[in-house]
Every structure is written in C-alpha cells, then in structure tokens.
Amino acid sequence: MPPRSPARSVVATGARAATALAVAVVPFGLVYGVAVTESTVSTLVGLSASWIILAGAAQLSLLSLIDGGAAWPLAVGTALVINARLALYSTALAPPFAAFPARWRYGLPYMLTDQAASMALLHYRSEHDADRRRWWFLGAAGIIVVAPAVFSRREDREADEITAEQKTSLGALHLRKIDLADRVLVVNPGGYIGESTSREIAYAHATGKPVSFADPC
C-alpha cells in the first residue's frame, strides 16, 4: 500500500500555527464592516476589498478616499504605496518559492499578508522540503485570508449609525496602528482633517512619530 500523502496534515499544521493570528484579524474585519456601512460606498464594493485587497490599512484608506470623492488615480496610488511592503516580502520569499511548481508560484502569492510572510520566513528556517513548504503556506496563509470581514446590515439606513462602542473600538484600532508604525501619513483630500483624525495626529506627535500629509494643510 503506498504511503499516505502528508499534504493534509501539513496544511492542518500550518493552519493551527496561524490560528491565533487569524482570530486577531476578525475584530479588524468587524471594524471594517462598520466603516463600510457608515460610508456612501455600496456594500458590494466594500465587500470586494475583502478578497481583492488583503491588507487592512489599504482597505480603510481606499474606502476613505472613495467615500470622500477622491480621484481614482489618487485612491489607487495610495493603496499601492501602502502595499508596497508586500514587494519586499515577495523578494524574501522568492528563493523558497522558486522550487514550487508554476501554478503554486503564481497562486500562493495571492494570499500573501504581513502575518503569512513573517510566519513563513521563520518556518522555512527549519523546514527545507519544498512540498511541505508549499502545503504549510497554504494552510497558514489560507486561514488568515478566510477570516471573515463582517458587514452590519439594518433595514433602516437612518438607524445604521455607529454606536459608541464601535466608535471606541475603531479609535483604539487606529491608535494601535500608530503604535506599530514608524511614521504616519495622513490622507486628507483637499486638506480636510476631521475631529477623530486630529486626535490621532495629536497622539502620533505625543508618541514621537513623524507625521506628513498627502495634501498641505
């Protein structure tokens, strides 16, 4: 009897390794869902970002720009700049990925995220088998990608106002992202800066983070 394929167990191992990170993505999905329902962007368009743009910061920035009526070159350009770091991850993962079959080399990068790239680079230090590497990445990256973005829906649009609890969660998420950042870029079409953004700018200054603006204030 031929030996049993290890693919399924390797995928499961990767998924288990990334479960904690996948769970951490879910609250962000909730916050993004609230942001979509509070914007003028249709739910369908907002939902599309969950499978087209697998990066939270780019999703929120693009949503904000579209909602604010920014020109599409500015909106798309901003998302590309934010996601430019993925090119660095691709460069770092290129050597191990080079040993994968072509369909894997072109398919797996779709699921490339900060979490998946970091975990893979660490895992590949001790795992050198190309087959096990690709199956492990499929499990680890896959569970992070499928962590759902949840969209709040109500029949009455007038009742679809963000709650104080949701607003607090969204604000805390933004401050946490400032803590993780080296610098802060404020996307402010037309120079407009809202009340919440002003608080976040003040927080960035207080924590010593350089702040720059897409449009001069």
Protein backbone atom coordinates (compact mmCIF):
# COMPACT_ATOMS: atom_id res chain seq x y z
CA MET A 1 0.00 0.00 0.00
CA PRO A 2 1.53 3.39 -0.95
CA PRO A 3 2.37 5.76 1.88
CA ARG A 4 -0.31 8.24 2.82
CA SER A 5 0.19 11.76 1.42
CA PRO A 6 1.28 14.19 4.14
CA ALA A 7 -0.33 17.16 2.38
CA ARG A 8 -3.46 17.28 4.53
CA SER A 9 -1.57 17.05 7.81
CA VAL A 10 0.92 19.71 6.70
CA VAL A 11 -1.91 22.06 5.72
CA ALA A 12 -3.53 21.47 9.11
CA THR A 13 -0.23 22.18 10.86
CA GLY A 14 0.11 25.49 9.04
CA ALA A 15 -3.49 26.42 9.82
CA ARG A 16 -3.04 25.64 13.51
CA ALA A 17 0.14 27.70 13.63
CA ALA A 18 -1.69 30.73 12.22
CA THR A 19 -4.97 30.34 14.11
CA ALA A 20 -4.14 32.93 16.75
CA LEU A 21 -3.26 35.49 14.08
CA ALA A 22 -6.40 34.65 12.11
CA VAL A 23 -8.54 35.22 15.20
CA ALA A 24 -6.85 38.58 15.69
CA VAL A 25 -7.92 39.59 12.16
CA VAL A 26 -11.62 39.06 12.87
CA PRO A 27 -12.10 42.19 15.06
CA PHE A 28 -10.50 44.25 12.30
CA GLY A 29 -12.97 42.73 9.89
CA LEU A 30 -15.79 43.84 12.17
CA VAL A 31 -14.43 47.37 12.32
CA TYR A 32 -14.02 47.49 8.55
CA GLY A 33 -17.56 46.23 8.14
CA VAL A 34 -18.85 49.06 10.31
CA ALA A 35 -16.79 51.55 8.31
CA VAL A 36 -18.33 50.28 5.05
CA THR A 37 -21.90 50.54 6.34
CA GLU A 38 -21.23 54.08 7.56
CA SER A 39 -19.82 55.18 4.20
CA THR A 40 -21.52 56.04 0.93
CA VAL A 41 -19.78 53.10 -0.72
CA SER A 42 -22.08 50.22 -1.60
CA THR A 43 -21.79 47.04 0.44
CA LEU A 44 -20.89 45.08 -2.69
CA VAL A 45 -17.95 47.37 -3.47
CA GLY A 46 -16.85 47.38 0.16
CA LEU A 47 -17.08 43.60 0.34
CA SER A 48 -14.93 43.31 -2.78
CA ALA A 49 -11.98 44.77 -0.89
CA SER A 50 -12.06 41.75 1.42
CA TRP A 51 -10.93 39.43 -1.38
CA ILE A 52 -9.19 41.85 -3.75
CA ILE A 53 -7.10 43.80 -1.21
CA LEU A 54 -5.84 41.54 1.55
CA ALA A 55 -4.42 44.38 3.64
CA GLY A 56 -6.38 46.26 6.28
CA ALA A 57 -4.61 49.62 6.12
CA ALA A 58 -5.06 49.79 2.35
CA GLN A 59 -8.72 48.79 2.67
CA LEU A 60 -9.51 51.57 5.14
CA SER A 61 -7.52 54.18 3.23
CA LEU A 62 -9.12 53.29 -0.10
CA LEU A 63 -12.58 53.28 1.47
CA SER A 64 -11.96 56.71 2.99
CA LEU A 65 -10.72 58.16 -0.29
CA ILE A 66 -13.57 56.75 -2.37
CA ASP A 67 -16.10 57.92 0.21
CA GLY A 68 -14.53 61.38 0.12
CA GLY A 69 -14.78 61.62 -3.65
CA ALA A 70 -11.05 61.45 -4.35
CA ALA A 71 -9.91 60.89 -7.93
CA TRP A 72 -9.29 57.23 -8.71
CA PRO A 73 -5.56 57.69 -9.51
CA LEU A 74 -5.05 59.11 -6.01
CA ALA A 75 -7.10 56.34 -4.39
CA VAL A 76 -5.40 53.51 -6.27
CA GLY A 77 -1.96 55.11 -5.93
CA THR A 78 -2.38 55.42 -2.18
CA ALA A 79 -3.34 51.75 -1.85
CA LEU A 80 -0.34 50.72 -3.96
CA VAL A 81 2.06 52.78 -1.84
CA ILE A 82 0.67 51.31 1.38
CA ASN A 83 1.01 47.78 -0.02
CA ALA A 84 4.50 48.35 -1.43
CA ARG A 85 5.92 46.42 1.53
CA LEU A 86 4.48 43.25 0.00
CA ALA A 87 7.10 43.56 -2.73
CA LEU A 88 9.77 43.20 -0.03
CA TYR A 89 8.05 40.08 1.31
CA SER A 90 7.94 38.70 -2.23
CA THR A 91 11.66 39.28 -2.64
CA ALA A 92 12.41 37.50 0.63
CA LEU A 93 10.16 34.53 -0.25
CA ALA A 94 11.30 34.26 -3.88
CA PRO A 95 14.12 31.73 -3.21
CA PRO A 96 11.95 29.13 -1.46
CA PHE A 97 9.02 29.75 -3.81
CA ALA A 98 11.31 29.15 -6.81
CA ALA A 99 11.25 25.43 -6.00
CA PHE A 100 7.43 25.28 -6.24
CA PRO A 101 5.55 24.24 -9.40
CA ALA A 102 4.49 27.19 -11.56
CA ARG A 103 0.83 27.11 -10.55
CA TRP A 104 1.87 27.34 -6.90
CA ARG A 105 4.35 30.15 -7.53
CA TYR A 106 1.62 32.25 -9.13
CA GLY A 107 -1.25 31.18 -6.87
CA LEU A 108 0.17 31.33 -3.35
CA PRO A 109 1.29 34.99 -3.51
CA TYR A 110 -2.39 35.97 -3.77
CA MET A 111 -2.66 35.04 -0.09
CA LEU A 112 0.47 36.96 0.92
CA THR A 113 -0.10 39.06 4.04
CA ASP A 114 2.17 40.51 6.71
CA GLN A 115 1.35 37.65 9.05
CA ALA A 116 1.75 34.88 6.49
CA ALA A 117 5.06 36.24 5.18
CA SER A 118 6.56 36.62 8.66
CA MET A 119 5.48 33.15 9.74
CA ALA A 120 6.70 31.54 6.53
CA LEU A 121 10.14 33.14 6.72
CA LEU A 122 10.54 31.81 10.26
CA HIS A 123 9.14 28.37 9.45
CA TYR A 124 11.33 27.92 6.38
CA ARG A 125 14.44 28.21 8.52
CA SER A 126 13.75 24.73 9.86
CA GLU A 127 11.65 23.27 7.03
CA HIS A 128 13.58 22.68 3.81
CA ASP A 129 11.31 20.31 1.87
CA ALA A 130 9.68 22.23 -1.00
CA ASP A 131 6.47 20.18 -0.99
CA ARG A 132 5.94 20.58 2.73
CA ARG A 133 6.76 24.29 2.49
CA ARG A 134 4.05 25.00 -0.05
CA TRP A 135 1.39 22.95 1.71
CA TRP A 136 2.27 24.61 5.02
CA PHE A 137 1.99 28.07 3.49
CA LEU A 138 -1.41 27.15 2.01
CA GLY A 139 -2.70 26.25 5.45
CA ALA A 140 -1.19 29.20 7.31
CA ALA A 141 -1.99 31.89 4.75
CA GLY A 142 -5.36 30.38 3.88
CA ILE A 143 -6.82 30.57 7.36
CA ILE A 144 -5.73 34.21 7.69
CA VAL A 145 -7.28 35.13 4.34
CA VAL A 146 -10.63 33.49 5.05
CA ALA A 147 -11.02 35.22 8.42
CA PRO A 148 -14.27 36.99 7.55
CA ALA A 149 -14.99 40.67 7.25
CA VAL A 150 -18.43 41.08 8.80
CA PHE A 151 -20.80 43.71 7.45
CA SER A 152 -23.52 45.10 9.69
CA ARG A 153 -26.86 45.40 7.91
CA ARG A 154 -30.06 47.07 9.03
CA GLU A 155 -33.24 47.67 7.10
CA ASP A 156 -33.40 51.33 8.03
CA ARG A 157 -30.39 53.34 6.89
CA GLU A 158 -31.22 56.07 9.40
CA ALA A 159 -30.80 53.52 12.20
CA ASP A 160 -27.46 52.46 10.76
CA GLU A 161 -25.43 54.81 12.92
CA ILE A 162 -22.22 53.73 14.54
CA THR A 163 -22.55 53.01 18.24
CA ALA A 164 -20.33 54.50 20.92
CA GLU A 165 -18.77 51.08 21.49
CA GLN A 166 -17.99 50.65 17.80
CA LYS A 167 -16.53 54.14 17.60
CA THR A 168 -14.31 53.42 20.61
CA SER A 169 -13.11 50.16 19.04
CA LEU A 170 -12.33 51.88 15.75
CA GLY A 171 -10.43 54.65 17.51
CA ALA A 172 -8.43 52.17 19.57
CA LEU A 173 -7.53 50.24 16.41
CA HIS A 174 -6.23 53.39 14.74
CA LEU A 175 -4.11 54.29 17.77
CA ARG A 176 -2.70 50.78 17.87
CA LYS A 177 -1.70 51.05 14.21
CA ILE A 178 0.06 54.32 15.04
CA ASP A 179 1.97 52.49 17.79
CA LEU A 180 3.16 49.92 15.23
CA ALA A 181 4.07 52.47 12.58
CA ASP A 182 7.43 54.19 12.03
CA ARG A 183 5.73 57.29 10.67
CA VAL A 184 2.19 58.49 9.92
CA LEU A 185 0.86 59.60 6.53
CA VAL A 186 -2.45 61.48 6.77
CA VAL A 187 -4.60 61.06 3.66
CA ASN A 188 -6.56 64.33 3.66
CA PRO A 189 -8.07 65.14 0.25
CA GLY A 190 -8.44 68.89 -0.12
CA GLY A 191 -6.63 69.46 3.15
CA TYR A 192 -9.64 68.38 5.23
CA ILE A 193 -8.91 66.91 8.67
CA GLY A 194 -11.78 65.67 10.82
CA GLU A 195 -12.06 65.61 14.58
CA SER A 196 -11.03 61.97 15.02
CA THR A 197 -8.09 62.39 12.64
CA SER A 198 -6.97 65.45 14.61
CA ARG A 199 -6.91 63.36 17.78
CA GLU A 200 -4.88 60.66 16.03
CA ILE A 201 -2.40 63.26 14.75
CA ALA A 202 -2.01 64.60 18.28
CA TYR A 203 -1.46 61.05 19.53
CA ALA A 204 1.20 60.45 16.88
CA HIS A 205 3.01 63.65 17.89
CA ALA A 206 2.79 62.66 21.56
CA THR A 207 4.38 59.29 20.82
CA GLY A 208 7.15 60.86 18.76
CA LYS A 209 6.00 59.57 15.36
CA PRO A 210 6.73 61.81 12.33
CA VAL A 211 3.54 62.98 10.64
CA SER A 212 3.20 64.02 7.00
CA PHE A 213 0.17 64.90 4.86
CA ALA A 214 -0.99 63.85 1.40
CA ASP A 215 -2.37 67.40 0.90
CA PRO A 216 -0.83 70.50 2.53
CA CYS A 217 -2.87 71.76 5.47
